[in-house]
Amino acid sequence: MSAIFLKRFLQRPFQVASRYEGREFVWRKTDLEWETDFYNLFFTAPRQTVTDEARSWLAASGLFEHVLDFSSHVDATHVLEGHIVHLYGDARGDDAKAVIEVQFFLVDDRPTPSAVAFGKSYAEEVAIPKDSPEELVKGWNEGLGRILGKLEEDLRGIVGR
């Protein structure tokens, strides 16, 4: 694949699967039983939290001259779209896990119509010592860090800098 120069890179707010779009933590208890934890909540909605973390990570990566947020009025050459596919604690069996999966699409916004320049899903399951909210958040943070590291590596392979 030829290199792409991303001078102005815009990140849209990520979408999230409906099962995980609330602020409550979600636990998978059995193969068929899911439970929301109304006592333990995200401070902000998961879509905004993950969007903000990805924007910060990519801005710090040095891959792009500018990483803009969706409220910017500057025309971007490329847009990153994200969809949070899974975001839950897996409490099945003896080994609890934090599960996170995010699908990304890098869209070249210059041609008409827009074209997908890159697309990939990244999934991480992080073992946690117990099925507690604190450990779940630590696991999600570790999983998201791994995902963003892999995304950066893949984008570095296609971005000309």
N, C-alpha and C. Protein backbone atom coordinates (compact mmCIF):
# COMPACT_ATOMS: atom_id res chain seq x y z
N MET A 1 0.85 -1.17 0.00
CA MET A 1 0.00 0.00 0.00
C MET A 1 0.89 1.23 0.00
N SER A 2 0.56 2.21 -0.82
CA SER A 2 1.37 3.43 -0.86
C SER A 2 1.14 4.27 0.38
N ALA A 3 2.12 5.11 0.70
CA ALA A 3 2.03 5.95 1.90
C ALA A 3 1.01 7.05 1.69
N ILE A 4 0.37 7.43 2.78
CA ILE A 4 -0.64 8.49 2.79
C ILE A 4 -0.12 9.58 3.70
N PHE A 5 -0.17 10.83 3.26
CA PHE A 5 0.22 11.92 4.13
C PHE A 5 -1.03 12.52 4.76
N LEU A 6 -1.10 12.43 6.06
CA LEU A 6 -2.26 12.92 6.78
C LEU A 6 -1.90 14.23 7.46
N LYS A 7 -2.17 15.30 6.79
CA LYS A 7 -1.84 16.60 7.37
C LYS A 7 -2.89 16.99 8.40
N ARG A 8 -4.15 16.91 8.03
CA ARG A 8 -5.24 17.28 8.93
C ARG A 8 -6.11 16.05 9.12
N PHE A 9 -6.07 15.54 10.30
CA PHE A 9 -6.69 14.27 10.64
C PHE A 9 -7.81 14.55 11.63
N LEU A 10 -9.01 14.16 11.30
CA LEU A 10 -10.19 14.42 12.13
C LEU A 10 -10.67 13.12 12.73
N GLN A 11 -11.02 13.18 13.99
CA GLN A 11 -11.57 12.00 14.64
C GLN A 11 -13.02 12.27 15.01
N ARG A 12 -13.90 11.48 14.46
CA ARG A 12 -15.32 11.59 14.81
C ARG A 12 -15.58 10.90 16.14
N PRO A 13 -16.64 11.31 16.84
CA PRO A 13 -16.99 10.57 18.06
C PRO A 13 -17.29 9.11 17.71
N PHE A 14 -16.77 8.20 18.50
CA PHE A 14 -16.97 6.78 18.24
C PHE A 14 -18.41 6.39 18.51
N GLN A 15 -18.83 5.36 17.83
CA GLN A 15 -20.13 4.73 18.08
C GLN A 15 -19.89 3.55 19.01
N VAL A 16 -20.94 3.09 19.64
CA VAL A 16 -20.80 1.96 20.56
C VAL A 16 -22.00 1.04 20.40
N ALA A 17 -21.75 -0.26 20.48
CA ALA A 17 -22.84 -1.23 20.40
C ALA A 17 -23.85 -0.92 21.49
N SER A 18 -25.13 -1.06 21.18
CA SER A 18 -26.20 -0.64 22.10
C SER A 18 -26.10 -1.29 23.47
N ARG A 19 -25.62 -2.50 23.55
CA ARG A 19 -25.51 -3.20 24.84
C ARG A 19 -24.59 -2.47 25.81
N TYR A 20 -23.64 -1.68 25.28
CA TYR A 20 -22.62 -1.05 26.12
C TYR A 20 -22.70 0.48 26.11
N GLU A 21 -23.74 1.06 25.53
CA GLU A 21 -23.76 2.51 25.38
C GLU A 21 -24.13 3.27 26.65
N GLY A 22 -24.67 2.62 27.64
CA GLY A 22 -24.98 3.28 28.90
C GLY A 22 -23.73 3.52 29.72
N ARG A 23 -23.87 4.21 30.84
CA ARG A 23 -22.73 4.46 31.72
C ARG A 23 -22.46 3.31 32.68
N GLU A 24 -23.42 2.38 32.82
CA GLU A 24 -23.26 1.25 33.73
C GLU A 24 -22.26 0.24 33.19
N PHE A 25 -21.47 -0.36 34.08
CA PHE A 25 -20.59 -1.45 33.69
C PHE A 25 -21.46 -2.65 33.32
N VAL A 26 -20.98 -3.44 32.38
CA VAL A 26 -21.69 -4.64 31.94
C VAL A 26 -20.83 -5.86 32.24
N TRP A 27 -21.47 -6.87 32.83
CA TRP A 27 -20.79 -8.13 33.15
C TRP A 27 -21.48 -9.27 32.42
N ARG A 28 -20.69 -10.17 31.89
CA ARG A 28 -21.21 -11.42 31.33
C ARG A 28 -21.05 -12.47 32.41
N LYS A 29 -22.17 -12.98 32.90
CA LYS A 29 -22.16 -13.93 34.01
C LYS A 29 -22.12 -15.39 33.54
N THR A 30 -22.89 -15.70 32.49
CA THR A 30 -22.89 -17.03 31.88
C THR A 30 -22.96 -16.82 30.38
N ASP A 31 -23.03 -17.91 29.64
CA ASP A 31 -23.13 -17.79 28.18
C ASP A 31 -24.39 -17.03 27.77
N LEU A 32 -25.43 -17.09 28.59
CA LEU A 32 -26.70 -16.45 28.25
C LEU A 32 -27.10 -15.31 29.18
N GLU A 33 -26.38 -15.13 30.28
CA GLU A 33 -26.78 -14.13 31.27
C GLU A 33 -25.81 -12.95 31.28
N TRP A 34 -26.39 -11.75 31.08
CA TRP A 34 -25.64 -10.49 31.12
C TRP A 34 -26.26 -9.63 32.21
N GLU A 35 -25.43 -8.83 32.86
CA GLU A 35 -25.91 -8.02 33.97
C GLU A 35 -25.29 -6.62 33.91
N THR A 36 -26.12 -5.60 34.11
CA THR A 36 -25.58 -4.25 34.23
C THR A 36 -25.38 -3.95 35.70
N ASP A 37 -24.31 -3.23 35.99
CA ASP A 37 -23.95 -2.89 37.35
C ASP A 37 -24.33 -1.43 37.59
N PHE A 38 -25.50 -1.21 38.16
CA PHE A 38 -26.01 0.14 38.35
C PHE A 38 -25.25 0.91 39.43
N TYR A 39 -24.45 0.23 40.23
CA TYR A 39 -23.69 0.89 41.29
C TYR A 39 -22.33 1.38 40.83
N ASN A 40 -21.85 0.87 39.71
CA ASN A 40 -20.54 1.25 39.19
C ASN A 40 -20.70 1.76 37.77
N LEU A 41 -20.33 3.02 37.59
CA LEU A 41 -20.59 3.73 36.34
C LEU A 41 -19.32 4.36 35.78
N PHE A 42 -19.31 4.55 34.47
CA PHE A 42 -18.30 5.39 33.86
C PHE A 42 -18.61 6.84 34.24
N PHE A 43 -17.58 7.65 34.43
CA PHE A 43 -17.78 9.06 34.74
C PHE A 43 -18.44 9.77 33.56
N THR A 44 -17.98 9.44 32.35
CA THR A 44 -18.62 9.90 31.11
C THR A 44 -18.97 8.66 30.31
N ALA A 45 -19.85 8.82 29.35
CA ALA A 45 -20.27 7.68 28.52
C ALA A 45 -19.05 7.03 27.86
N PRO A 46 -19.06 5.69 27.72
CA PRO A 46 -17.91 4.99 27.15
C PRO A 46 -17.49 5.52 25.78
N ARG A 47 -18.46 5.90 24.95
CA ARG A 47 -18.09 6.38 23.61
C ARG A 47 -17.21 7.62 23.71
N GLN A 48 -17.51 8.52 24.64
CA GLN A 48 -16.72 9.74 24.77
C GLN A 48 -15.37 9.44 25.41
N THR A 49 -15.36 8.57 26.40
CA THR A 49 -14.11 8.21 27.07
C THR A 49 -13.12 7.58 26.10
N VAL A 50 -13.57 6.60 25.33
CA VAL A 50 -12.68 5.91 24.39
C VAL A 50 -12.28 6.84 23.25
N THR A 51 -13.20 7.66 22.77
CA THR A 51 -12.88 8.64 21.73
C THR A 51 -11.77 9.58 22.21
N ASP A 52 -11.92 10.12 23.42
CA ASP A 52 -10.93 11.05 23.96
C ASP A 52 -9.57 10.39 24.15
N GLU A 53 -9.56 9.14 24.64
CA GLU A 53 -8.30 8.43 24.83
C GLU A 53 -7.60 8.18 23.49
N ALA A 54 -8.36 7.79 22.49
CA ALA A 54 -7.78 7.54 21.17
C ALA A 54 -7.23 8.84 20.57
N ARG A 55 -7.97 9.93 20.72
CA ARG A 55 -7.50 11.22 20.18
C ARG A 55 -6.19 11.63 20.86
N SER A 56 -6.13 11.51 22.17
CA SER A 56 -4.90 11.86 22.90
C SER A 56 -3.73 10.98 22.47
N TRP A 57 -3.98 9.69 22.35
CA TRP A 57 -2.93 8.75 21.95
C TRP A 57 -2.39 9.12 20.57
N LEU A 58 -3.30 9.34 19.61
CA LEU A 58 -2.87 9.61 18.24
C LEU A 58 -2.21 10.98 18.11
N ALA A 59 -2.65 11.95 18.90
CA ALA A 59 -2.00 13.26 18.89
C ALA A 59 -0.56 13.14 19.40
N ALA A 60 -0.36 12.32 20.42
CA ALA A 60 0.97 12.15 20.99
C ALA A 60 1.87 11.26 20.11
N SER A 61 1.29 10.52 19.19
CA SER A 61 2.06 9.58 18.38
C SER A 61 3.01 10.29 17.41
N GLY A 62 2.71 11.52 17.04
CA GLY A 62 3.53 12.23 16.07
C GLY A 62 3.28 11.83 14.63
N LEU A 63 2.28 10.98 14.40
CA LEU A 63 1.98 10.53 13.04
C LEU A 63 1.36 11.63 12.18
N PHE A 64 0.69 12.57 12.82
CA PHE A 64 -0.11 13.55 12.08
C PHE A 64 0.30 14.96 12.46
N GLU A 65 0.22 15.84 11.50
CA GLU A 65 0.53 17.24 11.77
C GLU A 65 -0.50 17.82 12.73
N HIS A 66 -1.76 17.47 12.53
CA HIS A 66 -2.84 17.94 13.40
C HIS A 66 -3.83 16.80 13.61
N VAL A 67 -4.28 16.64 14.85
CA VAL A 67 -5.36 15.72 15.16
C VAL A 67 -6.50 16.59 15.68
N LEU A 68 -7.55 16.67 14.89
CA LEU A 68 -8.67 17.57 15.17
C LEU A 68 -9.83 16.81 15.78
N ASP A 69 -10.62 17.51 16.54
CA ASP A 69 -11.83 16.86 17.03
C ASP A 69 -12.99 17.28 16.14
N PHE A 70 -14.09 16.58 16.28
CA PHE A 70 -15.22 16.74 15.36
C PHE A 70 -15.79 18.15 15.34
N SER A 71 -15.58 18.91 16.39
CA SER A 71 -16.12 20.27 16.44
C SER A 71 -15.30 21.26 15.62
N SER A 72 -14.13 20.83 15.12
CA SER A 72 -13.27 21.72 14.35
C SER A 72 -13.92 22.11 13.02
N HIS A 73 -13.65 23.33 12.59
CA HIS A 73 -14.15 23.80 11.30
C HIS A 73 -13.12 23.66 10.19
N VAL A 74 -11.96 23.13 10.51
CA VAL A 74 -10.89 22.93 9.54
C VAL A 74 -11.21 21.69 8.71
N ASP A 75 -11.02 21.80 7.40
CA ASP A 75 -11.21 20.63 6.53
C ASP A 75 -10.10 19.62 6.77
N ALA A 76 -10.47 18.38 6.95
CA ALA A 76 -9.50 17.32 7.18
C ALA A 76 -9.29 16.52 5.90
N THR A 77 -8.10 15.97 5.77
CA THR A 77 -7.83 15.11 4.62
C THR A 77 -8.32 13.69 4.89
N HIS A 78 -8.26 13.29 6.17
CA HIS A 78 -8.67 11.94 6.55
C HIS A 78 -9.47 11.99 7.84
N VAL A 79 -10.34 11.02 8.00
CA VAL A 79 -11.21 10.93 9.17
C VAL A 79 -11.06 9.53 9.76
N LEU A 80 -10.95 9.47 11.10
CA LEU A 80 -10.94 8.17 11.77
C LEU A 80 -12.30 7.95 12.39
N GLU A 81 -12.91 6.84 12.04
CA GLU A 81 -14.18 6.44 12.64
C GLU A 81 -13.93 5.21 13.49
N GLY A 82 -14.63 5.12 14.60
CA GLY A 82 -14.46 3.97 15.49
C GLY A 82 -15.80 3.45 15.96
N HIS A 83 -15.85 2.16 16.20
CA HIS A 83 -17.05 1.52 16.72
C HIS A 83 -16.62 0.57 17.84
N ILE A 84 -17.12 0.84 19.05
CA ILE A 84 -16.82 -0.03 20.19
C ILE A 84 -17.76 -1.24 20.09
N VAL A 85 -17.20 -2.37 19.74
CA VAL A 85 -17.97 -3.58 19.50
C VAL A 85 -18.29 -4.30 20.80
N HIS A 86 -17.29 -4.40 21.69
CA HIS A 86 -17.45 -5.06 22.99
C HIS A 86 -16.76 -4.24 24.07
N LEU A 87 -17.40 -4.18 25.25
CA LEU A 87 -16.84 -3.50 26.41
C LEU A 87 -17.55 -4.06 27.64
N TYR A 88 -16.98 -5.14 28.21
CA TYR A 88 -17.65 -5.79 29.34
C TYR A 88 -16.64 -6.55 30.19
N GLY A 89 -17.10 -6.93 31.35
CA GLY A 89 -16.35 -7.82 32.21
C GLY A 89 -16.88 -9.23 32.03
N ASP A 90 -16.00 -10.18 31.85
CA ASP A 90 -16.40 -11.57 31.66
C ASP A 90 -16.14 -12.32 32.96
N ALA A 91 -17.22 -12.66 33.66
CA ALA A 91 -17.11 -13.34 34.95
C ALA A 91 -17.48 -14.82 34.84
N ARG A 92 -17.47 -15.36 33.64
CA ARG A 92 -17.75 -16.79 33.47
C ARG A 92 -16.55 -17.60 33.93
N GLY A 93 -16.81 -18.69 34.58
CA GLY A 93 -15.73 -19.58 35.00
C GLY A 93 -14.91 -19.00 36.13
N ASP A 94 -13.70 -19.53 36.28
CA ASP A 94 -12.83 -19.14 37.39
C ASP A 94 -11.96 -17.92 37.09
N ASP A 95 -11.74 -17.62 35.83
CA ASP A 95 -10.83 -16.54 35.44
C ASP A 95 -11.60 -15.36 34.85
N ALA A 96 -11.69 -14.27 35.61
CA ALA A 96 -12.38 -13.07 35.13
C ALA A 96 -11.51 -12.35 34.11
N LYS A 97 -12.17 -11.65 33.18
CA LYS A 97 -11.46 -10.93 32.13
C LYS A 97 -12.16 -9.60 31.85
N ALA A 98 -11.37 -8.63 31.45
CA ALA A 98 -11.88 -7.39 30.90
C ALA A 98 -11.82 -7.54 29.38
N VAL A 99 -12.94 -7.32 28.72
CA VAL A 99 -13.02 -7.53 27.27
C VAL A 99 -13.32 -6.20 26.59
N ILE A 100 -12.52 -5.87 25.58
CA ILE A 100 -12.74 -4.67 24.79
C ILE A 100 -12.39 -4.97 23.34
N GLU A 101 -13.25 -4.52 22.44
CA GLU A 101 -13.00 -4.64 21.00
C GLU A 101 -13.44 -3.35 20.33
N VAL A 102 -12.56 -2.81 19.49
CA VAL A 102 -12.86 -1.57 18.77
C VAL A 102 -12.53 -1.78 17.30
N GLN A 103 -13.44 -1.36 16.45
CA GLN A 103 -13.26 -1.42 15.00
C GLN A 103 -12.97 0.00 14.50
N PHE A 104 -11.92 0.14 13.70
CA PHE A 104 -11.53 1.45 13.18
C PHE A 104 -11.60 1.48 11.66
N PHE A 105 -11.97 2.64 11.14
CA PHE A 105 -11.92 2.90 9.71
C PHE A 105 -11.24 4.24 9.50
N LEU A 106 -10.19 4.26 8.69
CA LEU A 106 -9.55 5.49 8.27
C LEU A 106 -10.12 5.83 6.91
N VAL A 107 -10.80 6.96 6.83
CA VAL A 107 -11.49 7.35 5.60
C VAL A 107 -10.74 8.51 4.94
N ASP A 108 -10.40 8.32 3.66
CA ASP A 108 -9.80 9.40 2.88
C ASP A 108 -10.95 10.31 2.46
N ASP A 109 -10.98 11.50 3.02
CA ASP A 109 -12.10 12.42 2.82
C ASP A 109 -11.88 13.36 1.66
N ARG A 110 -10.77 13.20 0.95
CA ARG A 110 -10.48 14.12 -0.16
C ARG A 110 -11.25 13.78 -1.43
N PRO A 111 -11.29 12.52 -1.84
CA PRO A 111 -12.03 12.25 -3.08
C PRO A 111 -13.54 12.26 -2.82
N THR A 112 -14.27 12.40 -3.89
CA THR A 112 -15.72 12.28 -3.79
C THR A 112 -16.10 11.09 -4.64
N PRO A 113 -16.72 10.09 -4.11
CA PRO A 113 -17.09 9.94 -2.71
C PRO A 113 -15.88 9.54 -1.86
N SER A 114 -16.03 9.65 -0.56
CA SER A 114 -14.97 9.25 0.36
C SER A 114 -14.65 7.77 0.18
N ALA A 115 -13.42 7.41 0.51
CA ALA A 115 -13.00 6.02 0.35
C ALA A 115 -12.32 5.54 1.63
N VAL A 116 -12.53 4.27 1.99
CA VAL A 116 -11.88 3.69 3.15
C VAL A 116 -10.43 3.37 2.78
N ALA A 117 -9.48 4.00 3.49
CA ALA A 117 -8.06 3.76 3.26
C ALA A 117 -7.53 2.63 4.11
N PHE A 118 -8.20 2.37 5.25
CA PHE A 118 -7.75 1.33 6.17
C PHE A 118 -8.91 0.96 7.07
N GLY A 119 -9.05 -0.30 7.39
CA GLY A 119 -10.06 -0.75 8.33
C GLY A 119 -9.61 -2.02 9.03
N LYS A 120 -9.84 -2.06 10.34
CA LYS A 120 -9.43 -3.24 11.10
C LYS A 120 -10.10 -3.23 12.46
N SER A 121 -10.39 -4.43 12.98
CA SER A 121 -10.90 -4.59 14.34
C SER A 121 -9.77 -5.09 15.23
N TYR A 122 -9.75 -4.59 16.45
CA TYR A 122 -8.76 -5.00 17.44
C TYR A 122 -9.51 -5.44 18.69
N ALA A 123 -9.20 -6.61 19.20
CA ALA A 123 -9.87 -7.13 20.39
C ALA A 123 -8.82 -7.54 21.41
N GLU A 124 -9.11 -7.25 22.67
CA GLU A 124 -8.23 -7.65 23.77
C GLU A 124 -9.06 -8.22 24.90
N GLU A 125 -8.57 -9.30 25.48
CA GLU A 125 -9.12 -9.87 26.71
C GLU A 125 -7.99 -9.86 27.73
N VAL A 126 -8.19 -9.13 28.81
CA VAL A 126 -7.15 -8.98 29.83
C VAL A 126 -7.60 -9.70 31.09
N ALA A 127 -6.81 -10.67 31.53
CA ALA A 127 -7.13 -11.40 32.77
C ALA A 127 -7.07 -10.43 33.95
N ILE A 128 -8.08 -10.51 34.81
CA ILE A 128 -8.11 -9.68 36.01
C ILE A 128 -8.19 -10.60 37.22
N PRO A 129 -7.57 -10.22 38.35
CA PRO A 129 -7.50 -11.12 39.49
C PRO A 129 -8.85 -11.46 40.12
N LYS A 130 -9.81 -10.54 40.01
CA LYS A 130 -11.15 -10.82 40.53
C LYS A 130 -12.15 -9.95 39.79
N ASP A 131 -13.41 -10.33 39.87
CA ASP A 131 -14.44 -9.58 39.12
C ASP A 131 -14.94 -8.39 39.93
N SER A 132 -14.02 -7.44 40.15
CA SER A 132 -14.38 -6.20 40.87
C SER A 132 -14.34 -5.03 39.90
N PRO A 133 -15.07 -3.97 40.19
CA PRO A 133 -15.07 -2.80 39.31
C PRO A 133 -13.68 -2.20 39.13
N GLU A 134 -12.89 -2.15 40.19
CA GLU A 134 -11.55 -1.57 40.11
C GLU A 134 -10.66 -2.37 39.16
N GLU A 135 -10.71 -3.68 39.30
CA GLU A 135 -9.88 -4.54 38.43
C GLU A 135 -10.38 -4.50 36.99
N LEU A 136 -11.68 -4.38 36.82
CA LEU A 136 -12.25 -4.31 35.47
C LEU A 136 -11.75 -3.06 34.76
N VAL A 137 -11.77 -1.92 35.43
CA VAL A 137 -11.29 -0.67 34.83
C VAL A 137 -9.81 -0.78 34.49
N LYS A 138 -9.01 -1.34 35.38
CA LYS A 138 -7.59 -1.53 35.09
C LYS A 138 -7.41 -2.40 33.84
N GLY A 139 -8.21 -3.46 33.75
CA GLY A 139 -8.12 -4.35 32.59
C GLY A 139 -8.52 -3.66 31.30
N TRP A 140 -9.62 -2.87 31.35
CA TRP A 140 -10.02 -2.12 30.16
C TRP A 140 -8.93 -1.14 29.74
N ASN A 141 -8.34 -0.45 30.71
CA ASN A 141 -7.28 0.50 30.39
C ASN A 141 -6.10 -0.19 29.72
N GLU A 142 -5.71 -1.34 30.26
CA GLU A 142 -4.62 -2.10 29.65
C GLU A 142 -4.99 -2.56 28.25
N GLY A 143 -6.20 -3.07 28.09
CA GLY A 143 -6.65 -3.54 26.78
C GLY A 143 -6.72 -2.42 25.77
N LEU A 144 -7.26 -1.27 26.17
CA LEU A 144 -7.33 -0.13 25.25
C LEU A 144 -5.94 0.35 24.87
N GLY A 145 -5.01 0.36 25.82
CA GLY A 145 -3.63 0.73 25.51
C GLY A 145 -3.02 -0.20 24.47
N ARG A 146 -3.26 -1.49 24.61
CA ARG A 146 -2.75 -2.45 23.62
C ARG A 146 -3.37 -2.19 22.25
N ILE A 147 -4.68 -1.95 22.23
CA ILE A 147 -5.39 -1.70 20.97
C ILE A 147 -4.84 -0.45 20.30
N LEU A 148 -4.71 0.62 21.04
CA LEU A 148 -4.22 1.87 20.45
C LEU A 148 -2.77 1.75 20.00
N GLY A 149 -1.98 0.96 20.72
CA GLY A 149 -0.61 0.71 20.28
C GLY A 149 -0.57 -0.03 18.95
N LYS A 150 -1.44 -1.03 18.81
CA LYS A 150 -1.51 -1.78 17.54
C LYS A 150 -2.03 -0.90 16.42
N LEU A 151 -3.05 -0.07 16.71
CA LEU A 151 -3.56 0.85 15.69
C LEU A 151 -2.46 1.80 15.24
N GLU A 152 -1.73 2.38 16.19
CA GLU A 152 -0.64 3.29 15.84
C GLU A 152 0.38 2.59 14.95
N GLU A 153 0.75 1.38 15.32
CA GLU A 153 1.72 0.62 14.53
C GLU A 153 1.21 0.38 13.11
N ASP A 154 -0.05 0.00 12.98
CA ASP A 154 -0.62 -0.23 11.65
C ASP A 154 -0.70 1.06 10.84
N LEU A 155 -1.11 2.15 11.49
CA LEU A 155 -1.18 3.44 10.78
C LEU A 155 0.20 3.92 10.39
N ARG A 156 1.17 3.69 11.25
CA ARG A 156 2.56 4.10 10.95
C ARG A 156 3.04 3.41 9.66
N GLY A 157 2.55 2.19 9.43
CA GLY A 157 2.93 1.46 8.24
C GLY A 157 2.34 2.01 6.95
N ILE A 158 1.27 2.81 7.05
CA ILE A 158 0.64 3.34 5.83
C ILE A 158 0.72 4.86 5.71
N VAL A 159 1.16 5.53 6.77
CA VAL A 159 1.20 6.99 6.77
C VAL A 159 2.61 7.46 6.39
N GLY A 160 2.70 8.35 5.43
CA GLY A 160 3.99 8.92 5.04
C GLY A 160 4.32 10.12 5.89
N ARG A 161 5.34 10.03 6.72
CA ARG A 161 5.79 11.17 7.57
C ARG A 161 7.25 11.32 7.42
